Amino acid sequence: MKEISQKISYEEFFRKAILNLRDPKYRGIHSVFSGFNQAFRDYYNEDPISVTQEMARQGKIEILPSKRGIMIYLPGEAPKPPMESQKILSKILDEPTNSDNQLIEHIINEVAPNGLKTFPQDFLEHEEGNREFSEIEVPVTSLQIDPHSQTTVISPRRHFRYDAKTPSEAKYIIYAHKIGEKRIRIPSDNRELFKMVTNYEKYCKEIKNRCFDLF
């Protein structure tokens, strides 16, 4: 990898780009969405991909895979995944490690600085006292949609089965259910139910896209 005469070095270009292009809330920049790749081509008349990989190999920058490109960081500033041994131990004990908790907290702070919304509480348009609910009993285990029916909610071993009136009601039950709880209250207004489920799915998609873009 050669340096270009009368131009700043690759290392200095990367450093300036990261410091000047990144959002104050984030440590890195996206190679494509930030405009970095195109700026690099305009300045050096070279392909930035091979140079970026070489800079990362030399430890002058850090990179992480991201949707439609990579995230570029200054040395020591990229989010660190948990160590492999910690992952294995966590799986054996079925407990999160400190590194897991730190990584989860970091991701949440990045994609939702004001905190994550909770379903269904944060998707109700009016106070609960202004609406009618029905209530069903559910097992304390996990629930899922029957793969053969969009309106049937089942437990993994099919010991529990509930036939919802609409796909939205079935989804509402899945989204609202929490392990250990035995009852779920369901709004009786089907239009409101559909709107809550749709808004929640839209919110989840937005959070997912932010994760892809940032990490």
N, C-alpha and C. Protein backbone atom coordinates (compact mmCIF):
# COMPACT_ATOMS: atom_id res chain seq x y z
N MET A 1 0.84 -1.18 0.00
CA MET A 1 0.00 0.00 0.00
C MET A 1 0.88 1.24 0.00
N LYS A 2 0.77 2.07 -1.02
CA LYS A 2 1.64 3.23 -1.15
C LYS A 2 0.94 4.47 -0.64
N GLU A 3 1.72 5.42 -0.19
CA GLU A 3 1.20 6.71 0.21
C GLU A 3 1.30 7.68 -0.96
N ILE A 4 0.38 8.60 -1.09
CA ILE A 4 0.35 9.53 -2.21
C ILE A 4 1.09 10.82 -1.83
N SER A 5 2.04 11.23 -2.69
CA SER A 5 2.82 12.43 -2.43
C SER A 5 1.91 13.66 -2.49
N GLN A 6 2.22 14.68 -1.67
CA GLN A 6 1.50 15.95 -1.62
C GLN A 6 0.05 15.79 -1.15
N LYS A 7 -0.29 14.68 -0.64
CA LYS A 7 -1.59 14.46 -0.04
C LYS A 7 -1.37 13.93 1.37
N ILE A 8 -2.32 14.13 2.23
CA ILE A 8 -2.16 13.59 3.58
C ILE A 8 -2.14 12.07 3.53
N SER A 9 -1.58 11.47 4.55
CA SER A 9 -1.46 10.02 4.57
C SER A 9 -2.82 9.37 4.73
N TYR A 10 -2.88 8.08 4.37
CA TYR A 10 -4.12 7.34 4.56
C TYR A 10 -4.57 7.40 6.02
N GLU A 11 -3.60 7.21 6.93
CA GLU A 11 -3.94 7.18 8.35
C GLU A 11 -4.56 8.50 8.79
N GLU A 12 -3.98 9.61 8.34
CA GLU A 12 -4.51 10.92 8.71
C GLU A 12 -5.88 11.16 8.07
N PHE A 13 -6.07 10.67 6.84
CA PHE A 13 -7.36 10.82 6.15
C PHE A 13 -8.45 10.08 6.91
N PHE A 14 -8.14 8.83 7.33
CA PHE A 14 -9.12 8.05 8.09
C PHE A 14 -9.44 8.73 9.42
N ARG A 15 -8.40 9.22 10.09
CA ARG A 15 -8.61 9.85 11.39
C ARG A 15 -9.51 11.08 11.26
N LYS A 16 -9.21 11.94 10.28
CA LYS A 16 -10.00 13.14 10.07
C LYS A 16 -11.44 12.79 9.67
N ALA A 17 -11.58 11.77 8.82
CA ALA A 17 -12.91 11.38 8.36
C ALA A 17 -13.77 10.89 9.52
N ILE A 18 -13.21 10.05 10.37
CA ILE A 18 -13.97 9.50 11.50
C ILE A 18 -14.37 10.61 12.46
N LEU A 19 -13.42 11.49 12.78
CA LEU A 19 -13.70 12.55 13.75
C LEU A 19 -14.69 13.58 13.21
N ASN A 20 -14.63 13.85 11.90
CA ASN A 20 -15.45 14.92 11.34
C ASN A 20 -16.79 14.45 10.78
N LEU A 21 -16.89 13.16 10.44
CA LEU A 21 -18.12 12.67 9.82
C LEU A 21 -19.05 11.95 10.80
N ARG A 22 -18.52 11.48 11.90
CA ARG A 22 -19.37 10.69 12.79
C ARG A 22 -20.35 11.57 13.55
N ASP A 23 -21.51 10.99 13.82
CA ASP A 23 -22.53 11.64 14.64
C ASP A 23 -21.99 11.71 16.08
N PRO A 24 -22.22 12.80 16.78
CA PRO A 24 -21.71 12.90 18.16
C PRO A 24 -22.15 11.74 19.06
N LYS A 25 -23.28 11.09 18.73
CA LYS A 25 -23.77 9.99 19.57
C LYS A 25 -23.03 8.68 19.29
N TYR A 26 -22.30 8.60 18.17
CA TYR A 26 -21.68 7.35 17.77
C TYR A 26 -20.17 7.51 17.62
N ARG A 27 -19.47 6.40 17.74
CA ARG A 27 -18.01 6.45 17.65
C ARG A 27 -17.48 6.23 16.25
N GLY A 28 -18.25 5.52 15.43
CA GLY A 28 -17.76 5.16 14.10
C GLY A 28 -18.56 5.81 12.99
N ILE A 29 -18.12 5.54 11.75
CA ILE A 29 -18.82 6.01 10.57
C ILE A 29 -19.08 4.83 9.64
N HIS A 30 -20.17 4.89 8.90
CA HIS A 30 -20.48 3.86 7.91
C HIS A 30 -19.73 4.19 6.63
N SER A 31 -19.05 3.20 6.06
CA SER A 31 -18.20 3.44 4.90
C SER A 31 -18.96 4.02 3.72
N VAL A 32 -20.25 3.65 3.58
CA VAL A 32 -21.05 4.11 2.43
C VAL A 32 -21.95 5.27 2.82
N PHE A 33 -22.77 5.09 3.87
CA PHE A 33 -23.77 6.08 4.21
C PHE A 33 -23.18 7.41 4.67
N SER A 34 -21.97 7.39 5.23
CA SER A 34 -21.33 8.63 5.66
C SER A 34 -20.74 9.41 4.50
N GLY A 35 -20.60 8.76 3.33
CA GLY A 35 -19.96 9.39 2.18
C GLY A 35 -18.46 9.18 2.14
N PHE A 36 -17.93 8.38 3.09
CA PHE A 36 -16.48 8.19 3.18
C PHE A 36 -15.90 7.58 1.91
N ASN A 37 -16.49 6.48 1.43
CA ASN A 37 -15.93 5.79 0.27
C ASN A 37 -15.82 6.71 -0.94
N GLN A 38 -16.88 7.48 -1.20
CA GLN A 38 -16.84 8.37 -2.35
C GLN A 38 -15.83 9.49 -2.16
N ALA A 39 -15.71 10.02 -0.94
CA ALA A 39 -14.73 11.05 -0.67
C ALA A 39 -13.31 10.52 -0.85
N PHE A 40 -13.08 9.27 -0.44
CA PHE A 40 -11.76 8.66 -0.61
C PHE A 40 -11.42 8.53 -2.09
N ARG A 41 -12.39 8.09 -2.89
CA ARG A 41 -12.16 7.96 -4.33
C ARG A 41 -11.85 9.32 -4.97
N ASP A 42 -12.59 10.34 -4.54
CA ASP A 42 -12.39 11.67 -5.12
C ASP A 42 -11.00 12.21 -4.77
N TYR A 43 -10.54 11.93 -3.57
CA TYR A 43 -9.27 12.49 -3.10
C TYR A 43 -8.07 11.73 -3.63
N TYR A 44 -8.12 10.40 -3.58
CA TYR A 44 -6.96 9.59 -3.97
C TYR A 44 -7.09 8.96 -5.36
N ASN A 45 -8.32 8.97 -5.90
CA ASN A 45 -8.57 8.29 -7.17
C ASN A 45 -8.21 6.80 -7.06
N GLU A 46 -8.58 6.19 -5.94
CA GLU A 46 -8.31 4.78 -5.67
C GLU A 46 -9.55 4.13 -5.07
N ASP A 47 -9.55 2.79 -5.10
CA ASP A 47 -10.62 2.03 -4.47
C ASP A 47 -10.37 2.02 -2.96
N PRO A 48 -11.30 2.49 -2.14
CA PRO A 48 -11.08 2.56 -0.70
C PRO A 48 -11.12 1.21 0.01
N ILE A 49 -11.72 0.19 -0.62
CA ILE A 49 -11.95 -1.07 0.08
C ILE A 49 -10.63 -1.75 0.46
N SER A 50 -9.73 -1.90 -0.49
CA SER A 50 -8.47 -2.58 -0.20
C SER A 50 -7.63 -1.79 0.80
N VAL A 51 -7.66 -0.46 0.68
CA VAL A 51 -6.90 0.38 1.61
C VAL A 51 -7.48 0.25 3.01
N THR A 52 -8.79 0.26 3.12
CA THR A 52 -9.45 0.13 4.42
C THR A 52 -9.08 -1.20 5.08
N GLN A 53 -9.11 -2.27 4.31
CA GLN A 53 -8.76 -3.59 4.85
C GLN A 53 -7.30 -3.63 5.32
N GLU A 54 -6.41 -2.99 4.56
CA GLU A 54 -5.00 -2.98 4.94
C GLU A 54 -4.78 -2.12 6.19
N MET A 55 -5.47 -1.02 6.27
CA MET A 55 -5.35 -0.17 7.45
C MET A 55 -5.83 -0.91 8.70
N ALA A 56 -6.91 -1.68 8.55
CA ALA A 56 -7.41 -2.46 9.67
C ALA A 56 -6.43 -3.56 10.05
N ARG A 57 -5.81 -4.18 9.03
CA ARG A 57 -4.82 -5.24 9.30
C ARG A 57 -3.63 -4.69 10.07
N GLN A 58 -3.26 -3.45 9.79
CA GLN A 58 -2.12 -2.83 10.47
C GLN A 58 -2.50 -2.28 11.85
N GLY A 59 -3.78 -2.32 12.18
CA GLY A 59 -4.22 -1.83 13.47
C GLY A 59 -4.37 -0.32 13.56
N LYS A 60 -4.37 0.37 12.42
CA LYS A 60 -4.50 1.82 12.41
C LYS A 60 -5.96 2.27 12.49
N ILE A 61 -6.88 1.36 12.18
CA ILE A 61 -8.31 1.57 12.35
C ILE A 61 -8.92 0.25 12.78
N GLU A 62 -10.19 0.28 13.18
CA GLU A 62 -10.93 -0.94 13.46
C GLU A 62 -12.18 -0.93 12.60
N ILE A 63 -12.59 -2.09 12.11
CA ILE A 63 -13.78 -2.18 11.27
C ILE A 63 -14.69 -3.30 11.76
N LEU A 64 -15.98 -3.13 11.52
CA LEU A 64 -16.98 -4.15 11.85
C LEU A 64 -17.95 -4.27 10.68
N PRO A 65 -18.42 -5.49 10.37
CA PRO A 65 -19.39 -5.64 9.28
C PRO A 65 -20.66 -4.85 9.56
N SER A 66 -21.27 -4.33 8.51
CA SER A 66 -22.52 -3.59 8.64
C SER A 66 -23.30 -3.74 7.35
N LYS A 67 -24.59 -3.42 7.40
CA LYS A 67 -25.45 -3.53 6.24
C LYS A 67 -24.95 -2.61 5.13
N ARG A 68 -24.71 -3.19 3.96
CA ARG A 68 -24.27 -2.46 2.77
C ARG A 68 -22.92 -1.78 2.95
N GLY A 69 -22.07 -2.33 3.80
CA GLY A 69 -20.75 -1.76 3.98
C GLY A 69 -20.13 -2.20 5.29
N ILE A 70 -19.32 -1.33 5.88
CA ILE A 70 -18.69 -1.61 7.17
C ILE A 70 -18.74 -0.35 8.03
N MET A 71 -18.56 -0.54 9.33
CA MET A 71 -18.38 0.58 10.24
C MET A 71 -16.88 0.74 10.48
N ILE A 72 -16.41 1.98 10.48
CA ILE A 72 -14.98 2.28 10.64
C ILE A 72 -14.80 3.06 11.93
N TYR A 73 -13.82 2.62 12.76
CA TYR A 73 -13.58 3.24 14.06
C TYR A 73 -12.10 3.56 14.22
N LEU A 74 -11.80 4.49 15.10
CA LEU A 74 -10.43 4.70 15.53
C LEU A 74 -9.99 3.51 16.38
N PRO A 75 -8.70 3.24 16.47
CA PRO A 75 -8.23 2.10 17.26
C PRO A 75 -8.75 2.15 18.70
N GLY A 76 -9.31 1.04 19.15
CA GLY A 76 -9.79 0.92 20.52
C GLY A 76 -11.19 1.42 20.75
N GLU A 77 -11.87 1.94 19.70
CA GLU A 77 -13.20 2.51 19.90
C GLU A 77 -14.33 1.65 19.35
N ALA A 78 -14.02 0.56 18.66
CA ALA A 78 -15.07 -0.31 18.12
C ALA A 78 -15.71 -1.11 19.25
N PRO A 79 -17.04 -1.35 19.19
CA PRO A 79 -17.69 -2.19 20.21
C PRO A 79 -17.05 -3.56 20.25
N LYS A 80 -16.82 -4.06 21.45
CA LYS A 80 -16.15 -5.35 21.62
C LYS A 80 -17.17 -6.44 21.93
N PRO A 81 -17.21 -7.53 21.13
CA PRO A 81 -18.11 -8.65 21.44
C PRO A 81 -17.58 -9.44 22.63
N PRO A 82 -18.44 -10.20 23.31
CA PRO A 82 -17.98 -11.03 24.43
C PRO A 82 -16.94 -12.05 23.97
N MET A 83 -16.05 -12.43 24.87
CA MET A 83 -15.05 -13.45 24.57
C MET A 83 -15.73 -14.79 24.34
N GLU A 84 -15.15 -15.61 23.49
CA GLU A 84 -15.76 -16.89 23.14
C GLU A 84 -15.98 -17.76 24.37
N SER A 85 -15.00 -17.78 25.29
CA SER A 85 -15.16 -18.60 26.49
C SER A 85 -16.34 -18.13 27.33
N GLN A 86 -16.56 -16.81 27.35
CA GLN A 86 -17.68 -16.28 28.11
C GLN A 86 -19.00 -16.69 27.47
N LYS A 87 -19.05 -16.73 26.16
CA LYS A 87 -20.25 -17.17 25.47
C LYS A 87 -20.57 -18.62 25.82
N ILE A 88 -19.54 -19.46 25.80
CA ILE A 88 -19.74 -20.88 26.09
C ILE A 88 -20.23 -21.06 27.52
N LEU A 89 -19.59 -20.37 28.47
CA LEU A 89 -20.00 -20.48 29.86
C LEU A 89 -21.41 -19.96 30.07
N SER A 90 -21.74 -18.89 29.37
CA SER A 90 -23.08 -18.33 29.47
C SER A 90 -24.13 -19.32 29.00
N LYS A 91 -23.84 -20.03 27.92
CA LYS A 91 -24.77 -21.03 27.41
C LYS A 91 -24.93 -22.19 28.39
N ILE A 92 -23.81 -22.62 28.98
CA ILE A 92 -23.86 -23.74 29.92
C ILE A 92 -24.70 -23.39 31.14
N LEU A 93 -24.48 -22.18 31.68
CA LEU A 93 -25.17 -21.76 32.90
C LEU A 93 -26.48 -21.07 32.62
N ASP A 94 -26.74 -20.81 31.35
CA ASP A 94 -27.95 -20.08 30.95
C ASP A 94 -28.04 -18.74 31.66
N GLU A 95 -26.89 -18.06 31.77
CA GLU A 95 -26.83 -16.76 32.41
C GLU A 95 -26.04 -15.80 31.53
N PRO A 96 -26.47 -14.53 31.48
CA PRO A 96 -25.69 -13.55 30.72
C PRO A 96 -24.40 -13.20 31.44
N THR A 97 -23.31 -12.98 30.71
CA THR A 97 -22.04 -12.57 31.29
C THR A 97 -22.02 -11.05 31.40
N ASN A 98 -21.02 -10.54 32.13
CA ASN A 98 -20.87 -9.09 32.24
C ASN A 98 -20.65 -8.46 30.87
N SER A 99 -19.88 -9.16 30.02
CA SER A 99 -19.63 -8.64 28.68
C SER A 99 -20.90 -8.62 27.86
N ASP A 100 -21.74 -9.65 28.02
CA ASP A 100 -23.04 -9.68 27.33
C ASP A 100 -23.86 -8.47 27.75
N ASN A 101 -23.93 -8.24 29.06
CA ASN A 101 -24.75 -7.14 29.57
C ASN A 101 -24.23 -5.79 29.08
N GLN A 102 -22.90 -5.65 29.05
CA GLN A 102 -22.31 -4.40 28.59
C GLN A 102 -22.59 -4.19 27.11
N LEU A 103 -22.48 -5.27 26.32
CA LEU A 103 -22.74 -5.15 24.88
C LEU A 103 -24.21 -4.83 24.63
N ILE A 104 -25.11 -5.51 25.34
CA ILE A 104 -26.54 -5.25 25.19
C ILE A 104 -26.86 -3.81 25.57
N GLU A 105 -26.28 -3.35 26.68
CA GLU A 105 -26.52 -1.97 27.12
C GLU A 105 -26.00 -0.97 26.09
N HIS A 106 -24.83 -1.28 25.53
CA HIS A 106 -24.25 -0.38 24.51
C HIS A 106 -25.15 -0.31 23.28
N ILE A 107 -25.64 -1.45 22.82
CA ILE A 107 -26.49 -1.48 21.63
C ILE A 107 -27.79 -0.72 21.89
N ILE A 108 -28.40 -0.95 23.06
CA ILE A 108 -29.64 -0.25 23.39
C ILE A 108 -29.43 1.26 23.42
N ASN A 109 -28.32 1.70 24.01
CA ASN A 109 -28.04 3.13 24.08
C ASN A 109 -27.83 3.73 22.70
N GLU A 110 -27.28 2.93 21.78
CA GLU A 110 -27.02 3.43 20.43
C GLU A 110 -28.31 3.52 19.62
N VAL A 111 -29.11 2.45 19.64
CA VAL A 111 -30.30 2.40 18.77
C VAL A 111 -31.53 3.04 19.41
N ALA A 112 -31.56 3.12 20.74
CA ALA A 112 -32.72 3.70 21.42
C ALA A 112 -32.25 4.50 22.62
N PRO A 113 -31.65 5.68 22.39
CA PRO A 113 -31.10 6.47 23.50
C PRO A 113 -32.13 6.87 24.55
N ASN A 114 -33.41 6.90 24.18
CA ASN A 114 -34.46 7.24 25.14
C ASN A 114 -35.11 6.01 25.76
N GLY A 115 -34.52 4.83 25.51
CA GLY A 115 -35.06 3.59 26.06
C GLY A 115 -35.97 2.88 25.08
N LEU A 116 -36.13 1.58 25.25
CA LEU A 116 -36.98 0.79 24.38
C LEU A 116 -38.44 0.88 24.80
N LYS A 117 -39.34 0.84 23.84
CA LYS A 117 -40.75 0.85 24.13
C LYS A 117 -41.21 -0.55 24.53
N THR A 118 -42.26 -0.61 25.35
CA THR A 118 -42.80 -1.88 25.84
C THR A 118 -44.18 -2.12 25.25
N PHE A 119 -44.39 -3.34 24.76
CA PHE A 119 -45.71 -3.70 24.24
C PHE A 119 -46.50 -4.43 25.33
N PRO A 120 -47.78 -4.09 25.51
CA PRO A 120 -48.58 -3.14 24.72
C PRO A 120 -48.66 -1.74 25.31
N GLN A 121 -48.07 -1.53 26.52
CA GLN A 121 -48.30 -0.28 27.25
C GLN A 121 -47.99 0.97 26.42
N ASP A 122 -46.86 0.96 25.72
CA ASP A 122 -46.43 2.16 25.01
C ASP A 122 -47.10 2.33 23.65
N PHE A 123 -48.02 1.44 23.32
CA PHE A 123 -48.70 1.52 22.02
C PHE A 123 -50.21 1.72 22.18
N LEU A 124 -50.64 1.99 23.41
CA LEU A 124 -52.05 2.31 23.66
C LEU A 124 -52.28 3.79 23.38
N GLU A 125 -53.33 4.10 22.65
CA GLU A 125 -53.61 5.49 22.31
C GLU A 125 -54.31 6.23 23.45
N HIS A 126 -55.05 5.50 24.28
CA HIS A 126 -55.80 6.11 25.38
C HIS A 126 -55.53 5.34 26.67
N GLU A 127 -55.98 5.90 27.77
CA GLU A 127 -55.83 5.23 29.05
C GLU A 127 -56.63 3.93 29.07
N GLU A 128 -56.13 2.93 29.80
CA GLU A 128 -56.80 1.63 29.82
C GLU A 128 -58.23 1.72 30.34
N GLY A 129 -58.52 2.69 31.19
CA GLY A 129 -59.85 2.80 31.74
C GLY A 129 -60.91 3.18 30.72
N ASN A 130 -60.50 3.65 29.55
CA ASN A 130 -61.43 4.09 28.51
C ASN A 130 -61.72 3.02 27.47
N ARG A 131 -61.36 1.79 27.73
CA ARG A 131 -61.57 0.74 26.74
C ARG A 131 -62.01 -0.56 27.41
N GLU A 132 -62.54 -1.47 26.61
CA GLU A 132 -62.94 -2.78 27.11
C GLU A 132 -61.87 -3.82 26.77
N PHE A 133 -61.73 -4.78 27.67
CA PHE A 133 -60.75 -5.84 27.48
C PHE A 133 -61.42 -7.20 27.67
N SER A 134 -60.88 -8.17 27.00
CA SER A 134 -61.17 -9.57 27.34
C SER A 134 -59.89 -10.14 27.94
N GLU A 135 -60.00 -11.23 28.65
CA GLU A 135 -58.83 -11.79 29.33
C GLU A 135 -58.76 -13.29 29.08
N ILE A 136 -57.56 -13.79 28.79
CA ILE A 136 -57.37 -15.23 28.59
C ILE A 136 -56.26 -15.73 29.51
N GLU A 137 -56.36 -16.98 29.86
CA GLU A 137 -55.31 -17.62 30.65
C GLU A 137 -54.31 -18.28 29.70
N VAL A 138 -53.05 -18.12 30.02
CA VAL A 138 -51.98 -18.67 29.18
C VAL A 138 -50.99 -19.42 30.06
N PRO A 139 -50.24 -20.35 29.48
CA PRO A 139 -49.23 -21.05 30.27
C PRO A 139 -48.04 -20.15 30.55
N VAL A 140 -47.23 -20.53 31.53
CA VAL A 140 -46.07 -19.71 31.88
C VAL A 140 -44.89 -19.96 30.95
N THR A 141 -45.04 -20.88 30.01
CA THR A 141 -43.99 -21.17 29.03
C THR A 141 -44.10 -20.21 27.85
N SER A 142 -43.21 -20.34 26.90
CA SER A 142 -43.25 -19.49 25.71
C SER A 142 -44.42 -19.88 24.81
N LEU A 143 -44.82 -18.96 23.94
CA LEU A 143 -45.91 -19.19 23.00
C LEU A 143 -45.44 -18.88 21.59
N GLN A 144 -46.16 -19.41 20.61
CA GLN A 144 -45.81 -19.17 19.21
C GLN A 144 -47.06 -19.32 18.35
N ILE A 145 -46.96 -18.77 17.12
CA ILE A 145 -48.04 -18.94 16.15
C ILE A 145 -47.92 -20.31 15.51
N ASP A 146 -49.02 -21.02 15.42
CA ASP A 146 -49.02 -22.31 14.74
C ASP A 146 -48.60 -22.11 13.28
N PRO A 147 -47.58 -22.84 12.80
CA PRO A 147 -47.15 -22.65 11.41
C PRO A 147 -48.21 -22.99 10.38
N HIS A 148 -49.27 -23.69 10.80
CA HIS A 148 -50.33 -24.06 9.87
C HIS A 148 -51.55 -23.13 9.95
N SER A 149 -51.49 -22.13 10.85
CA SER A 149 -52.63 -21.23 10.99
C SER A 149 -52.16 -19.89 11.55
N GLN A 150 -52.55 -18.80 10.91
CA GLN A 150 -52.15 -17.46 11.35
C GLN A 150 -52.94 -16.99 12.56
N THR A 151 -53.98 -17.71 12.93
CA THR A 151 -54.82 -17.28 14.05
C THR A 151 -54.74 -18.21 15.26
N THR A 152 -53.90 -19.23 15.20
CA THR A 152 -53.81 -20.19 16.31
C THR A 152 -52.51 -19.99 17.08
N VAL A 153 -52.65 -19.80 18.38
CA VAL A 153 -51.50 -19.64 19.28
C VAL A 153 -51.30 -20.94 20.03
N ILE A 154 -50.07 -21.42 20.07
CA ILE A 154 -49.78 -22.70 20.72
C ILE A 154 -48.53 -22.58 21.59
N SER A 155 -48.40 -23.50 22.53
CA SER A 155 -47.14 -23.66 23.26
C SER A 155 -46.25 -24.59 22.45
N PRO A 156 -44.94 -24.61 22.70
CA PRO A 156 -44.02 -25.42 21.88
C PRO A 156 -44.43 -26.89 21.76
N ARG A 157 -44.98 -27.48 22.83
CA ARG A 157 -45.38 -28.89 22.79
C ARG A 157 -46.88 -29.06 22.53
N ARG A 158 -47.53 -27.96 22.20
CA ARG A 158 -48.95 -27.97 21.85
C ARG A 158 -49.86 -28.38 23.00
N HIS A 159 -49.40 -28.25 24.23
CA HIS A 159 -50.29 -28.50 25.36
C HIS A 159 -51.29 -27.37 25.52
N PHE A 160 -50.93 -26.21 24.99
CA PHE A 160 -51.83 -25.06 25.02
C PHE A 160 -52.19 -24.68 23.59
N ARG A 161 -53.47 -24.34 23.38
CA ARG A 161 -53.94 -23.91 22.07
C ARG A 161 -55.03 -22.85 22.26
N TYR A 162 -54.89 -21.77 21.53
CA TYR A 162 -55.91 -20.73 21.58
C TYR A 162 -56.21 -20.28 20.15
N ASP A 163 -57.46 -20.31 19.76
CA ASP A 163 -57.87 -19.89 18.42
C ASP A 163 -58.33 -18.43 18.47
N ALA A 164 -57.47 -17.56 18.00
CA ALA A 164 -57.79 -16.13 17.99
C ALA A 164 -58.80 -15.81 16.88
N LYS A 165 -59.47 -14.69 17.03
CA LYS A 165 -60.48 -14.30 16.02
C LYS A 165 -59.81 -13.76 14.76
N THR A 166 -58.66 -13.12 14.91
CA THR A 166 -57.96 -12.53 13.77
C THR A 166 -56.45 -12.76 13.92
N PRO A 167 -55.69 -12.64 12.83
CA PRO A 167 -54.23 -12.72 12.94
C PRO A 167 -53.66 -11.65 13.87
N SER A 168 -54.28 -10.47 13.88
CA SER A 168 -53.79 -9.39 14.75
C SER A 168 -53.93 -9.78 16.22
N GLU A 169 -55.04 -10.44 16.57
CA GLU A 169 -55.22 -10.87 17.96
C GLU A 169 -54.17 -11.92 18.33
N ALA A 170 -53.89 -12.83 17.42
CA ALA A 170 -52.88 -13.86 17.68
C ALA A 170 -51.51 -13.22 17.89
N LYS A 171 -51.17 -12.25 17.05
CA LYS A 171 -49.89 -11.56 17.19
C LYS A 171 -49.85 -10.77 18.49
N TYR A 172 -50.96 -10.13 18.84
CA TYR A 172 -51.02 -9.37 20.08
C TYR A 172 -50.67 -10.26 21.27
N ILE A 173 -51.22 -11.46 21.29
CA ILE A 173 -50.96 -12.39 22.39
C ILE A 173 -49.48 -12.74 22.46
N ILE A 174 -48.88 -13.01 21.30
CA ILE A 174 -47.46 -13.36 21.27
C ILE A 174 -46.61 -12.19 21.76
N TYR A 175 -46.89 -10.99 21.27
CA TYR A 175 -46.09 -9.82 21.63
C TYR A 175 -46.28 -9.42 23.10
N ALA A 176 -47.50 -9.59 23.62
CA ALA A 176 -47.80 -9.16 24.99
C ALA A 176 -47.39 -10.20 26.04
N HIS A 177 -47.24 -11.45 25.61
CA HIS A 177 -46.96 -12.52 26.57
C HIS A 177 -45.56 -12.40 27.14
N LYS A 178 -45.45 -12.58 28.43
CA LYS A 178 -44.16 -12.59 29.12
C LYS A 178 -44.05 -13.89 29.91
N ILE A 179 -42.88 -14.50 29.83
CA ILE A 179 -42.67 -15.78 30.53
C ILE A 179 -42.99 -15.61 32.01
N GLY A 180 -43.82 -16.49 32.54
CA GLY A 180 -44.18 -16.45 33.95
C GLY A 180 -45.55 -15.86 34.22
N GLU A 181 -46.07 -15.06 33.27
CA GLU A 181 -47.39 -14.48 33.44
C GLU A 181 -48.46 -15.47 33.01
N LYS A 182 -49.59 -15.48 33.73
CA LYS A 182 -50.64 -16.47 33.47
C LYS A 182 -51.86 -15.90 32.77
N ARG A 183 -51.94 -14.58 32.63
CA ARG A 183 -53.12 -13.96 31.99
C ARG A 183 -52.68 -12.82 31.07
N ILE A 184 -53.46 -12.65 30.01
CA ILE A 184 -53.24 -11.56 29.07
C ILE A 184 -54.56 -10.85 28.84
N ARG A 185 -54.53 -9.54 28.94
CA ARG A 185 -55.71 -8.71 28.66
C ARG A 185 -55.63 -8.23 27.21
N ILE A 186 -56.72 -8.42 26.47
CA ILE A 186 -56.74 -8.11 25.03
C ILE A 186 -57.81 -7.07 24.76
N PRO A 187 -57.46 -5.95 24.13
CA PRO A 187 -58.48 -4.95 23.79
C PRO A 187 -59.58 -5.55 22.92
N SER A 188 -60.81 -5.19 23.18
CA SER A 188 -61.93 -5.76 22.44
C SER A 188 -62.12 -5.10 21.07
N ASP A 189 -61.62 -3.89 20.90
CA ASP A 189 -61.76 -3.17 19.64
C ASP A 189 -60.77 -3.73 18.62
N ASN A 190 -61.27 -4.41 17.58
CA ASN A 190 -60.39 -5.05 16.60
C ASN A 190 -59.57 -4.03 15.81
N ARG A 191 -60.14 -2.85 15.55
CA ARG A 191 -59.40 -1.83 14.82
C ARG A 191 -58.21 -1.33 15.63
N GLU A 192 -58.45 -1.11 16.91
CA GLU A 192 -57.37 -0.67 17.77
C GLU A 192 -56.30 -1.77 17.90
N LEU A 193 -56.75 -3.00 18.01
CA LEU A 193 -55.83 -4.14 18.11
C LEU A 193 -54.93 -4.20 16.89
N PHE A 194 -55.52 -4.07 15.70
CA PHE A 194 -54.76 -4.10 14.46
C PHE A 194 -53.74 -2.97 14.41
N LYS A 195 -54.16 -1.77 14.83
CA LYS A 195 -53.27 -0.61 14.80
C LYS A 195 -52.11 -0.77 15.76
N MET A 196 -52.36 -1.30 16.95
CA MET A 196 -51.30 -1.50 17.94
C MET A 196 -50.26 -2.49 17.43
N VAL A 197 -50.75 -3.60 16.88
CA VAL A 197 -49.84 -4.62 16.36
C VAL A 197 -49.02 -4.07 15.19
N THR A 198 -49.68 -3.35 14.27
CA THR A 198 -48.99 -2.79 13.11
C THR A 198 -47.93 -1.78 13.54
N ASN A 199 -48.25 -0.90 14.48
CA ASN A 199 -47.29 0.10 14.94
C ASN A 199 -46.12 -0.56 15.67
N TYR A 200 -46.41 -1.61 16.42
CA TYR A 200 -45.33 -2.31 17.13
C TYR A 200 -44.39 -3.00 16.14
N GLU A 201 -44.94 -3.64 15.12
CA GLU A 201 -44.11 -4.30 14.12
C GLU A 201 -43.27 -3.27 13.35
N LYS A 202 -43.86 -2.12 13.07
CA LYS A 202 -43.11 -1.05 12.40
C LYS A 202 -41.97 -0.57 13.29
N TYR A 203 -42.25 -0.41 14.57
CA TYR A 203 -41.22 0.01 15.52
C TYR A 203 -40.08 -1.00 15.60
N CYS A 204 -40.42 -2.30 15.67
CA CYS A 204 -39.40 -3.35 15.73
C CYS A 204 -38.55 -3.36 14.47
N LYS A 205 -39.18 -3.13 13.32
CA LYS A 205 -38.43 -3.08 12.06
C LYS A 205 -37.46 -1.91 12.05
N GLU A 206 -37.89 -0.77 12.56
CA GLU A 206 -37.01 0.40 12.63
C GLU A 206 -35.81 0.14 13.54
N ILE A 207 -36.06 -0.48 14.68
CA ILE A 207 -34.97 -0.81 15.60
C ILE A 207 -34.00 -1.80 14.94
N LYS A 208 -34.54 -2.80 14.26
CA LYS A 208 -33.71 -3.79 13.57
C LYS A 208 -32.84 -3.12 12.52
N ASN A 209 -33.43 -2.21 11.73
CA ASN A 209 -32.66 -1.52 10.69
C ASN A 209 -31.56 -0.65 11.29
N ARG A 210 -31.84 -0.03 12.42
CA ARG A 210 -30.81 0.77 13.09
C ARG A 210 -29.65 -0.11 13.53
N CYS A 211 -29.97 -1.29 14.04
CA CYS A 211 -28.91 -2.22 14.46
C CYS A 211 -28.06 -2.63 13.28
N PHE A 212 -28.69 -2.95 12.15
CA PHE A 212 -27.94 -3.32 10.96
C PHE A 212 -27.04 -2.18 10.50
N ASP A 213 -27.58 -0.96 10.49
CA ASP A 213 -26.83 0.19 10.01
C ASP A 213 -25.64 0.52 10.91
N LEU A 214 -25.83 0.35 12.24
CA LEU A 214 -24.80 0.75 13.18
C LEU A 214 -23.80 -0.34 13.49
N PHE A 215 -24.25 -1.61 13.46
CA PHE A 215 -23.37 -2.69 13.92
C PHE A 215 -23.15 -3.74 12.86
